[in-house]
């Protein structure tokens, strides 16, 4: 099939200026944008908005950074809007200036949690870039956006932590970024294979299960869409026999839950890890609904990152791990840390929603997900969300447990389970793709009642809350990078997508 390409570009000058500040240390200035004000480019029905900052974004007196530190840098953001009625593929291209003298191997690049060294990104041949002479152009990310979809890309750069003083001092790395949009279906991207199944426009009834156990009206099974914090998410709902969301990756079978708004692809292990776990071994404090607790607030602006490095997970915000977090990370280290696996897993956004719902902070406390999914008298009942509320208490103060995380491995929220077809008051049938004949943990706090902390989970064909010290099934959740490719399969139970 002939591909129709449109190259859309905007000038971004990023300076990594290295200066010696002592005999043992050196610093650099990171991300200086020379073009100001937001720009909107409309090409037929595909729009690119370059959401640049008017003021310069700098990091002064910084040093080579770990990946976890790099992910905390303020991003450069590009918003893509697809107003077409068909899917559009795109490439993010970084052009290195011919004046740069910092070796490419010392530059780390992240596009929405997908981290790589610049020299490891594939080189590409592109057209000229006005006012800029590239030494080399590399594709740092690729993805696909469904019909009427929107996506916010977050691009971060930093100097690799292993850069020596001699390699980094008095060096520069200048680059510009362009977006190439391609209309067509010639790619073997996993995201494209998902979207090619078609996106339904109906809005399901979230108070009932899908597939239903009776003849109640519902939107049916299929691929639907909803907004999350990064754009348009495409999620699977319903009967495992009517949707193709089966994946074989890292010697395990998974189910695709959704394409996230940032283009990464969320998977849940099709069964459990084989070792049950408590959510937390302690239960008699509100903080024990937290994925971590006794830490700095985990917010949209400062998500809490658990960096994976040298077979160890380290929390950027400090604090104490929950029992379930330790269990998940132990499983990750045993099953997913081979380089061919780990590099395909992005630092995904996870929501441990500890926002205030109702009740009393000093007594019975109901959290946000309870109001949306279980409290039929609440104005937000029956309105699940893929957007994560800030972890605020009743007074508006940020909590020191739960909130918004960037992780290699986590759990599904109760809202995601509800989108997939598991209700709270009704029930789905055993054909629902999330159905298991045992209770398994979710990530959403339920309530704190009578000195017991409770968290949502999947219970056969519906949602329910359970005490955090109960021992239940563990079903890990990961996010594959947006550029994940497949070698075979159609996603059906008998022919799972096989990841390259």
Protein backbone atom coordinates (compact mmCIF):
# COMPACT_ATOMS: atom_id res chain seq x y z
CA UNK A 1 0.00 0.00 0.00
CA UNK A 2 1.34 3.48 -0.87
CA UNK A 3 1.98 5.57 2.18
CA UNK A 4 1.09 9.23 2.15
CA UNK A 5 3.48 11.13 4.39
CA UNK A 6 3.19 14.58 5.74
CA UNK A 7 6.16 15.99 7.56
CA UNK A 8 5.33 18.57 10.15
CA UNK A 9 8.14 20.28 11.93
CA UNK A 10 8.82 22.85 14.58
CA UNK A 11 12.17 24.23 15.66
CA UNK A 12 13.31 23.13 19.07
CA UNK A 13 16.84 23.96 20.18
CA UNK A 14 17.92 21.97 23.21
CA UNK A 15 21.31 22.75 24.65
CA UNK A 16 23.18 20.38 26.91
CA UNK A 17 26.02 22.71 27.91
CA UNK A 18 28.69 21.09 30.03
CA UNK A 19 30.94 23.28 32.21
CA UNK A 20 33.60 22.33 34.73
CA UNK A 21 32.66 23.61 38.19
CA UNK A 22 35.40 21.84 40.12
CA UNK A 23 38.04 19.23 39.57
CA UNK A 24 35.52 16.47 40.31
CA UNK A 25 32.16 17.72 39.08
CA UNK A 26 30.48 19.35 36.13
CA UNK A 27 27.05 20.69 35.29
CA UNK A 28 24.85 21.35 32.31
CA UNK A 29 21.90 23.45 31.20
CA UNK A 30 19.10 21.29 29.88
CA UNK A 31 16.25 22.22 27.50
CA UNK A 32 16.38 25.77 26.26
CA UNK A 33 13.54 26.42 23.81
CA UNK A 34 14.24 29.26 21.43
CA UNK A 35 10.84 29.43 19.75
CA UNK A 36 8.11 30.91 21.90
CA UNK A 37 4.31 30.69 22.00
CA UNK A 38 2.15 27.74 21.07
CA UNK A 39 1.83 26.83 17.40
CA UNK A 40 -0.96 24.90 15.72
CA UNK A 41 -0.41 23.26 12.33
CA UNK A 42 -3.49 21.96 10.51
CA UNK A 43 -2.79 19.45 7.75
CA UNK A 44 -6.08 18.21 6.32
CA UNK A 45 -7.71 16.51 9.34
CA UNK A 46 -4.54 15.83 11.33
CA UNK A 47 -3.38 18.56 13.73
CA UNK A 48 -0.13 19.00 15.63
CA UNK A 49 0.06 21.50 18.47
CA UNK A 50 3.50 22.33 19.79
CA UNK A 51 2.80 23.42 23.35
CA UNK A 52 6.04 25.28 23.97
CA UNK A 53 6.70 27.30 27.08
CA UNK A 54 7.14 31.05 26.67
CA UNK A 55 9.89 31.09 29.29
CA UNK A 56 13.07 29.09 28.96
CA UNK A 57 13.07 25.73 30.73
CA UNK A 58 16.41 25.07 32.29
CA UNK A 59 18.10 22.83 34.80
CA UNK A 60 21.08 24.64 36.23
CA UNK A 61 24.01 23.00 38.00
CA UNK A 62 22.76 19.52 37.17
CA UNK A 63 24.82 16.40 36.76
CA UNK A 64 24.48 13.21 34.70
CA UNK A 65 21.22 11.63 35.83
CA UNK A 66 19.76 8.21 36.45
CA UNK A 67 16.69 7.27 34.43
CA UNK A 68 14.49 7.92 37.45
CA UNK A 69 15.90 11.42 37.82
CA UNK A 70 15.56 12.04 34.10
CA UNK A 71 11.88 11.13 34.21
CA UNK A 72 11.39 13.90 36.77
CA UNK A 73 12.64 16.57 34.33
CA UNK A 74 10.04 18.94 32.97
CA UNK A 75 8.95 17.61 29.56
CA UNK A 76 8.57 19.25 26.19
CA UNK A 77 5.00 18.51 25.11
CA UNK A 78 3.48 17.94 21.67
CA UNK A 79 -0.25 17.36 21.31
CA UNK A 80 -1.52 15.38 18.31
CA UNK A 81 -5.18 15.50 17.30
CA UNK A 82 -6.57 13.14 14.68
CA UNK A 83 -9.81 14.57 13.27
CA UNK A 84 -9.92 11.89 10.59
CA UNK A 85 -12.23 8.88 10.61
CA UNK A 86 -9.29 6.53 10.14
CA UNK A 87 -6.16 5.72 12.11
CA UNK A 88 -2.99 7.75 11.57
CA UNK A 89 0.52 6.51 12.27
CA UNK A 90 3.24 8.92 13.32
CA UNK A 91 6.99 9.01 13.90
CA UNK A 92 8.83 11.31 16.30
CA UNK A 93 12.17 12.25 14.72
CA UNK A 94 15.07 13.87 16.59
CA UNK A 95 17.63 15.60 14.37
CA UNK A 96 21.12 16.04 15.84
CA UNK A 97 22.89 19.23 14.75
CA UNK A 98 26.18 18.96 12.87
CA UNK A 99 27.63 21.37 15.45
CA UNK A 100 27.07 18.97 18.35
CA UNK A 101 30.16 17.39 19.89
CA UNK A 102 28.73 15.35 22.77
CA UNK A 103 28.85 11.68 21.84
CA UNK A 104 25.37 10.26 21.13
CA UNK A 105 25.87 7.35 23.54
CA UNK A 106 25.70 9.77 26.48
CA UNK A 107 22.29 11.23 25.58
CA UNK A 108 19.17 9.60 27.03
CA UNK A 109 15.75 10.27 25.49
CA UNK A 110 12.30 9.44 26.85
CA UNK A 111 8.99 9.66 25.03
CA UNK A 112 6.24 8.87 27.53
CA UNK A 113 8.27 6.51 29.68
CA UNK A 114 10.00 4.72 26.79
CA UNK A 115 13.70 5.31 27.51
CA UNK A 116 16.58 4.73 25.13
CA UNK A 117 20.02 6.06 24.31
CA UNK A 118 19.98 8.36 21.32
CA UNK A 119 22.54 6.26 19.45
CA UNK A 120 20.32 3.17 19.84
CA UNK A 121 17.35 4.77 18.04
CA UNK A 122 17.16 3.80 14.34
CA UNK A 123 18.53 6.34 11.88
CA UNK A 124 16.12 7.61 9.23
CA UNK A 125 16.32 9.60 6.02
CA UNK A 126 14.23 12.76 6.10
CA UNK A 127 13.84 15.97 4.19
CA UNK A 128 15.58 19.22 5.00
CA UNK A 129 14.92 21.07 8.23
CA UNK A 130 14.71 24.82 7.76
CA UNK A 131 17.45 26.75 9.54
CA UNK A 132 19.12 23.61 10.80
CA UNK A 133 21.74 21.23 9.42
CA UNK A 134 21.35 17.72 10.87
CA UNK A 135 24.33 15.43 11.27
CA UNK A 136 21.96 12.49 11.72
CA UNK A 137 18.22 11.98 12.22
CA UNK A 138 16.83 9.22 14.41
CA UNK A 139 13.31 7.93 15.08
CA UNK A 140 12.92 8.14 18.85
CA UNK A 141 9.30 6.99 18.94
CA UNK A 142 6.48 5.77 16.76
CA UNK A 143 2.80 5.12 17.36
CA UNK A 144 -0.71 5.20 16.00
CA UNK A 145 -3.69 7.38 16.85
CA UNK A 146 -7.24 6.18 16.31
CA UNK A 147 -10.13 8.04 14.67
CA UNK A 148 -11.04 11.31 16.42
CA UNK A 149 -8.29 10.67 18.96
CA UNK A 150 -5.98 13.03 20.84
CA UNK A 151 -2.58 12.36 22.38
CA UNK A 152 -0.10 14.37 24.43
CA UNK A 153 3.53 13.34 23.91
CA UNK A 154 6.05 14.15 26.66
CA UNK A 155 9.66 14.30 25.47
CA UNK A 156 12.50 14.41 28.00
CA UNK A 157 16.27 14.36 27.55
CA UNK A 158 19.15 14.03 29.98
CA UNK A 159 22.80 13.03 30.13
CA UNK A 160 23.41 9.37 30.94
CA UNK A 161 24.56 8.76 34.49
CA UNK A 162 27.67 6.94 33.26
CA UNK A 163 29.06 9.97 31.42
CA UNK A 164 32.56 10.72 32.68
CA UNK A 165 33.84 14.23 33.28
CA UNK A 166 36.22 13.99 30.35
CA UNK A 167 33.44 12.79 28.03
CA UNK A 168 30.94 15.44 29.12
CA UNK A 169 32.86 18.60 29.93
CA UNK A 170 32.57 21.52 27.51
CA UNK A 171 30.38 19.54 25.10
CA UNK A 172 27.08 20.43 23.43
CA UNK A 173 24.23 18.43 21.96
CA UNK A 174 21.78 20.47 19.87
CA UNK A 175 18.72 18.99 18.20
CA UNK A 176 15.32 19.68 16.71
CA UNK A 177 12.22 17.48 16.65
CA UNK A 178 9.81 16.85 13.78
CA UNK A 179 6.65 14.75 13.49
CA UNK A 180 5.98 12.61 10.42
CA UNK A 181 2.38 11.53 10.02
CA UNK A 182 1.60 8.54 7.78
CA UNK A 183 -1.86 7.48 6.65
CA UNK A 184 -2.11 3.75 5.97
CA UNK A 185 -2.15 0.27 7.46
CA UNK A 186 1.23 -1.10 6.43
CA UNK A 187 2.79 -1.32 9.89
CA UNK A 188 3.05 -4.28 12.22
CA UNK A 189 2.58 -2.08 15.27
CA UNK A 190 0.60 -3.77 18.02
CA UNK A 191 -1.40 -0.57 18.52
CA UNK A 192 -2.42 -0.54 14.86
CA UNK A 193 -3.54 -4.18 15.03
CA UNK A 194 -5.72 -3.24 18.00
CA UNK A 195 -7.27 -0.19 16.34
CA UNK A 196 -7.89 -2.06 13.10
CA UNK A 197 -10.58 -3.99 14.97
CA UNK A 198 -12.72 -0.84 14.92
CA UNK A 199 -13.73 1.58 17.69
CA UNK A 200 -17.35 1.67 18.89
CA UNK A 201 -18.97 5.03 19.49
CA UNK A 202 -21.61 3.92 22.03
CA UNK A 203 -21.29 4.72 25.71
CA UNK A 204 -21.75 1.57 27.80
CA UNK A 205 -23.97 1.32 30.86
CA UNK A 206 -21.33 1.01 33.57
CA UNK A 207 -23.77 -0.02 36.29
CA UNK A 208 -24.26 -3.42 34.64
CA UNK A 209 -21.85 -6.12 33.60
CA UNK A 210 -20.71 -6.95 30.10
CA UNK A 211 -21.45 -9.48 28.82
CA UNK A 212 -24.64 -9.36 30.93
CA UNK A 213 -25.99 -12.34 32.81
CA UNK A 214 -29.52 -11.54 31.61
CA UNK A 215 -31.14 -9.68 28.70
CA UNK A 216 -30.52 -6.19 30.05
CA UNK A 217 -29.63 -3.67 27.40
CA UNK A 218 -25.91 -2.88 27.05
CA UNK A 219 -23.49 -1.47 24.51
CA UNK A 220 -22.04 -4.89 23.80
CA UNK A 221 -18.47 -6.14 23.64
CA UNK A 222 -15.72 -4.47 21.68
CA UNK A 223 -13.20 -1.65 21.61
CA UNK A 224 -14.42 1.68 23.02
CA UNK A 225 -12.78 5.00 23.81
CA UNK A 226 -12.57 7.40 26.74
CA UNK A 227 -10.33 10.27 27.80
CA UNK A 228 -7.48 9.89 30.29
CA UNK A 229 -4.91 12.41 31.52
CA UNK A 230 -2.79 12.04 28.36
CA UNK A 231 -5.46 12.01 25.65
CA UNK A 232 -7.76 9.42 24.12
CA UNK A 233 -7.61 5.88 25.49
CA UNK A 234 -9.02 2.88 23.59
CA UNK A 235 -10.22 0.15 25.94
CA UNK A 236 -11.53 -3.40 25.55
CA UNK A 237 -14.83 -4.35 27.16
CA UNK A 238 -16.79 -7.55 27.40
CA UNK A 239 -16.82 -11.08 26.05
CA UNK A 240 -13.41 -12.71 25.56
CA UNK A 241 -14.81 -14.56 22.55
CA UNK A 242 -15.88 -11.35 20.80
CA UNK A 243 -12.72 -9.28 21.25
CA UNK A 244 -9.16 -9.96 20.17
CA UNK A 245 -6.96 -8.83 23.08
CA UNK A 246 -4.77 -11.86 23.79
CA UNK A 247 -0.97 -11.32 23.86
CA UNK A 248 2.01 -13.62 24.32
CA UNK A 249 4.95 -11.75 25.84
CA UNK A 250 7.91 -12.81 28.00
CA UNK A 251 6.71 -16.45 28.07
CA UNK A 252 3.36 -15.42 29.61
CA UNK A 253 -0.14 -14.84 28.27
CA UNK A 254 -1.69 -11.42 28.86
CA UNK A 255 -4.88 -9.53 28.06
CA UNK A 256 -4.79 -6.07 26.51
CA UNK A 257 -6.79 -3.69 28.70
CA UNK A 258 -6.33 -0.53 26.69
CA UNK A 259 -4.14 1.71 24.60
CA UNK A 260 -3.35 4.51 27.04
CA UNK A 261 -3.67 8.17 26.14
CA UNK A 262 0.11 8.40 25.76
CA UNK A 263 0.18 5.54 23.23
CA UNK A 264 1.56 2.85 25.55
CA UNK A 265 -0.37 -0.41 25.74
CA UNK A 266 -1.64 -1.72 29.08
CA UNK A 267 -1.65 -5.48 29.71
CA UNK A 268 -2.85 -7.59 32.62
CA UNK A 269 -1.54 -11.09 33.26
CA UNK A 270 -4.21 -13.51 32.08
CA UNK A 271 -3.92 -15.47 35.32
CA UNK A 272 -2.25 -14.80 38.67
CA UNK A 273 1.41 -15.10 39.65
CA UNK A 274 0.80 -18.33 41.55
CA UNK A 275 1.55 -16.68 44.91
CA UNK A 276 -1.23 -14.89 46.76
CA UNK A 277 -0.48 -11.77 48.79
CA UNK A 278 -2.00 -9.30 51.20
CA UNK A 279 -2.30 -5.74 49.92
CA UNK A 280 -0.73 -4.65 53.19
CA UNK A 281 0.12 -6.71 56.24
CA UNK A 282 -1.00 -3.82 58.47
CA UNK A 283 -4.60 -2.64 58.26
CA UNK A 284 -5.59 -0.34 61.13
CA UNK A 285 -4.65 3.01 59.57
CA UNK A 286 -5.93 4.88 56.51
CA UNK A 287 -2.47 4.95 54.99
CA UNK A 288 -2.53 1.19 54.44
CA UNK A 289 -4.69 1.60 51.33
CA UNK A 290 -1.59 3.23 49.81
CA UNK A 291 0.64 1.54 47.23
CA UNK A 292 3.31 3.40 49.20
CA UNK A 293 2.88 5.44 52.37
CA UNK A 294 4.73 7.83 54.70
CA UNK A 295 6.22 9.55 51.66
CA UNK A 296 6.07 12.83 49.81
CA UNK A 297 2.80 13.46 47.97
CA UNK A 298 2.45 11.65 44.63
CA UNK A 299 0.78 14.19 42.32
CA UNK A 300 0.31 14.95 38.63
CA UNK A 301 3.17 17.43 38.69
CA UNK A 302 5.40 15.14 40.76
CA UNK A 303 4.42 11.55 40.14
CA UNK A 304 6.19 9.05 42.39
CA UNK A 305 8.62 6.97 40.35
CA UNK A 306 9.88 3.51 41.20
CA UNK A 307 13.07 3.34 39.16
CA UNK A 308 14.33 -0.09 38.11
CA UNK A 309 18.13 -0.24 38.06
CA UNK A 310 20.64 -3.03 38.66
CA UNK A 311 17.88 -5.48 39.64
CA UNK A 312 16.59 -3.06 42.28
CA UNK A 313 13.52 -0.84 42.51
CA UNK A 314 14.04 2.54 44.20
CA UNK A 315 11.27 4.99 45.12
CA UNK A 316 11.92 8.57 44.06
CA UNK A 317 9.70 9.86 46.87
CA UNK A 318 10.94 7.62 49.67
CA UNK A 319 8.27 6.10 51.85
CA UNK A 320 7.35 2.52 52.63
CA UNK A 321 6.27 -0.06 50.06
CA UNK A 322 2.97 -1.86 50.47
CA UNK A 323 3.11 -5.63 50.71
CA UNK A 324 1.58 -5.92 47.24
CA UNK A 325 4.17 -3.58 45.70
CA UNK A 326 6.98 -5.74 47.06
CA UNK A 327 5.27 -8.87 45.69
CA UNK A 328 4.87 -7.32 42.23
CA UNK A 329 8.45 -6.12 42.05
CA UNK A 330 9.77 -9.51 43.16
CA UNK A 331 7.76 -11.14 40.37
CA UNK A 332 9.05 -8.58 37.86
CA UNK A 333 12.66 -9.33 38.75
CA UNK A 334 12.06 -13.04 38.25
CA UNK A 335 10.10 -12.81 35.00
CA UNK A 336 10.60 -9.57 33.07
CA UNK A 337 14.12 -8.26 33.60
CA UNK A 338 15.85 -9.77 30.58
CA UNK A 339 16.94 -6.81 28.44
CA UNK A 340 14.74 -7.90 25.53
CA UNK A 341 11.71 -7.74 27.86
CA UNK A 342 12.55 -4.85 30.17
CA UNK A 343 13.27 -2.39 27.36
CA UNK A 344 9.81 -2.99 25.89
CA UNK A 345 8.10 -2.08 29.19
CA UNK A 346 7.48 1.64 29.70
CA UNK A 347 7.26 3.54 32.96
CA UNK A 348 3.46 3.70 32.88
CA UNK A 349 1.12 5.95 34.85
CA UNK A 350 -0.77 4.20 37.67
CA UNK A 351 -3.50 5.65 39.88
CA UNK A 352 -3.84 4.69 43.55
CA UNK A 353 -6.79 7.08 44.02
CA UNK A 354 -6.72 8.28 47.62
CA UNK A 355 -8.86 11.35 46.92
CA UNK A 356 -11.58 12.14 49.46
CA UNK A 357 -15.00 10.79 48.49
CA UNK A 358 -17.30 11.21 51.48
CA UNK A 359 -17.55 10.38 55.16
CA UNK A 360 -15.23 11.55 57.89
CA UNK A 361 -11.44 11.83 57.79
CA UNK A 362 -11.38 10.90 61.48
CA UNK A 363 -13.96 8.12 61.23
CA UNK A 364 -15.39 6.18 58.29
CA UNK A 365 -13.67 7.47 55.16
CA UNK A 366 -14.90 6.67 51.64
CA UNK A 367 -12.44 7.20 48.80
CA UNK A 368 -13.10 8.52 45.29
CA UNK A 369 -13.56 5.19 43.51
CA UNK A 370 -16.18 4.12 46.06
CA UNK A 371 -18.28 7.17 45.18
CA UNK A 372 -18.05 6.49 41.44
CA UNK A 373 -18.62 2.73 41.52
CA UNK A 374 -20.41 1.72 44.73
CA UNK A 375 -22.35 4.64 46.23
CA UNK A 376 -25.64 4.76 44.30
CA UNK A 377 -26.64 7.99 46.06
CA UNK A 378 -23.51 9.84 44.91
CA UNK A 379 -23.71 12.34 42.05
CA UNK A 380 -20.64 10.66 40.52
CA UNK A 381 -22.12 7.13 40.69
CA UNK A 382 -21.89 5.18 37.44
CA UNK A 383 -19.22 7.53 36.09
CA UNK A 384 -15.89 5.71 36.13
CA UNK A 385 -12.87 7.67 35.00
CA UNK A 386 -9.47 7.04 33.49
CA UNK A 387 -8.28 10.38 34.84
CA UNK A 388 -6.56 10.24 38.21
CA UNK A 389 -7.73 12.71 40.88
CA UNK A 390 -5.11 14.39 43.02
CA UNK A 391 -4.62 12.59 46.38
CA UNK A 392 -6.29 15.31 48.47
CA UNK A 393 -8.00 14.89 51.82
CA UNK A 394 -11.23 16.63 52.84
CA UNK A 395 -9.37 19.87 53.62
CA UNK A 396 -7.55 19.94 50.28
CA UNK A 397 -4.21 18.85 51.70
CA UNK A 398 -2.14 16.34 49.74
CA UNK A 399 -1.96 12.90 51.32
CA UNK A 400 1.33 11.20 52.07
CA UNK A 401 0.02 7.86 50.81
CA UNK A 402 -1.29 6.76 47.44
CA UNK A 403 -1.71 9.08 44.48
CA UNK A 404 -0.12 9.05 41.03
CA UNK A 405 2.84 6.83 40.15
CA UNK A 406 5.21 6.07 37.28
CA UNK A 407 5.96 2.35 37.46
CA UNK A 408 7.27 -0.61 35.53
CA UNK A 409 4.63 -2.86 37.14
CA UNK A 410 1.38 -2.26 39.02
CA UNK A 411 -2.30 -3.22 39.22
CA UNK A 412 -5.57 -2.29 37.50
CA UNK A 413 -7.76 0.38 39.02
CA UNK A 414 -11.38 -0.42 39.91
CA UNK A 415 -12.40 2.08 37.22
CA UNK A 416 -10.46 0.11 34.58
CA UNK A 417 -12.17 -3.08 35.74
CA UNK A 418 -15.52 -1.31 35.42
CA UNK A 419 -14.70 -0.09 31.91
CA UNK A 420 -13.81 -3.70 31.05
CA UNK A 421 -17.30 -4.82 32.13
CA UNK A 422 -17.13 -5.74 35.84
CA UNK A 423 -19.81 -3.80 37.78
CA UNK A 424 -20.22 -3.32 41.52
CA UNK A 425 -23.91 -4.02 42.05
CA UNK A 426 -24.65 -6.21 39.03
CA UNK A 427 -22.57 -8.92 37.44
CA UNK A 428 -20.99 -9.88 34.14
CA UNK A 429 -20.94 -13.43 32.84
CA UNK A 430 -17.97 -15.75 33.11
CA UNK A 431 -17.17 -14.88 29.48
CA UNK A 432 -15.86 -11.48 30.54
CA UNK A 433 -12.16 -11.35 29.71
CA UNK A 434 -11.23 -10.33 33.29
CA UNK A 435 -13.28 -13.08 34.96
CA UNK A 436 -11.47 -15.35 37.39
CA UNK A 437 -12.99 -17.71 39.94
CA UNK A 438 -11.05 -16.06 42.77
CA UNK A 439 -10.60 -12.63 44.32
CA UNK A 440 -7.67 -10.62 42.91
CA UNK A 441 -6.32 -7.25 43.97
CA UNK A 442 -6.93 -3.93 42.29
CA UNK A 443 -5.19 -0.63 43.00
CA UNK A 444 -8.15 1.53 44.09
CA UNK A 445 -8.85 2.23 47.78
CA UNK A 446 -12.40 1.34 48.85
CA UNK A 447 -12.89 2.76 52.37
CA UNK A 448 -11.53 2.86 55.90
CA UNK A 449 -14.17 1.49 58.22
CA UNK A 450 -14.10 0.34 61.85
CA UNK A 451 -10.29 0.39 62.02
CA UNK A 452 -9.93 -1.63 58.79
CA UNK A 453 -8.51 -0.38 55.50
CA UNK A 454 -10.19 -1.84 52.39
CA UNK A 455 -9.19 -1.92 48.70
CA UNK A 456 -11.18 -2.82 45.56
CA UNK A 457 -10.56 -6.02 43.64
CA UNK A 458 -12.13 -8.36 41.12
CA UNK A 459 -14.39 -10.99 42.67
CA UNK A 460 -15.57 -13.53 40.08
CA UNK A 461 -17.86 -11.44 37.84
CA UNK A 462 -18.13 -8.22 39.84
CA UNK A 463 -16.21 -5.67 41.91
CA UNK A 464 -15.98 -5.69 45.68
CA UNK A 465 -13.86 -4.36 48.51
CA UNK A 466 -11.67 -6.44 50.77
CA UNK A 467 -9.58 -5.86 53.87
CA UNK A 468 -5.99 -5.06 52.90
CA UNK A 469 -4.61 -7.85 55.09
CA UNK A 470 -6.62 -10.52 53.26
CA UNK A 471 -4.57 -12.88 51.13
CA UNK A 472 -5.72 -12.69 47.51
CA UNK A 473 -4.63 -13.23 43.91
CA UNK A 474 -2.00 -11.03 42.24
CA UNK A 475 -2.43 -10.16 38.56
CA UNK A 476 0.45 -7.91 37.42
CA UNK A 477 -0.13 -5.03 35.01
CA UNK A 478 2.54 -3.64 32.67
CA UNK A 479 2.62 -1.11 29.82
CA UNK A 480 4.33 -1.96 26.54
CA UNK A 481 5.95 0.91 24.65
CA UNK A 482 3.98 2.58 21.86
CA UNK A 483 6.40 1.24 19.23
CA UNK A 484 5.87 -2.42 20.19
CA UNK A 485 5.78 -4.68 17.12
CA UNK A 486 4.16 -8.07 16.61
CA UNK A 487 5.38 -10.98 14.52
CA UNK A 488 2.20 -13.05 14.31
CA UNK A 489 -1.30 -13.65 15.65
CA UNK A 490 -4.63 -11.85 15.50
CA UNK A 491 -5.27 -11.48 19.25
CA UNK A 492 -7.82 -14.28 19.49
CA UNK A 493 -7.64 -16.95 22.18
CA UNK A 494 -6.22 -19.46 19.72
CA UNK A 495 -3.87 -17.00 17.99
CA UNK A 496 -2.45 -14.50 20.49
CA UNK A 497 -0.46 -11.50 19.27
CA UNK A 498 3.21 -12.42 19.61
CA UNK A 499 5.44 -9.51 20.53
CA UNK A 500 8.63 -9.15 18.50
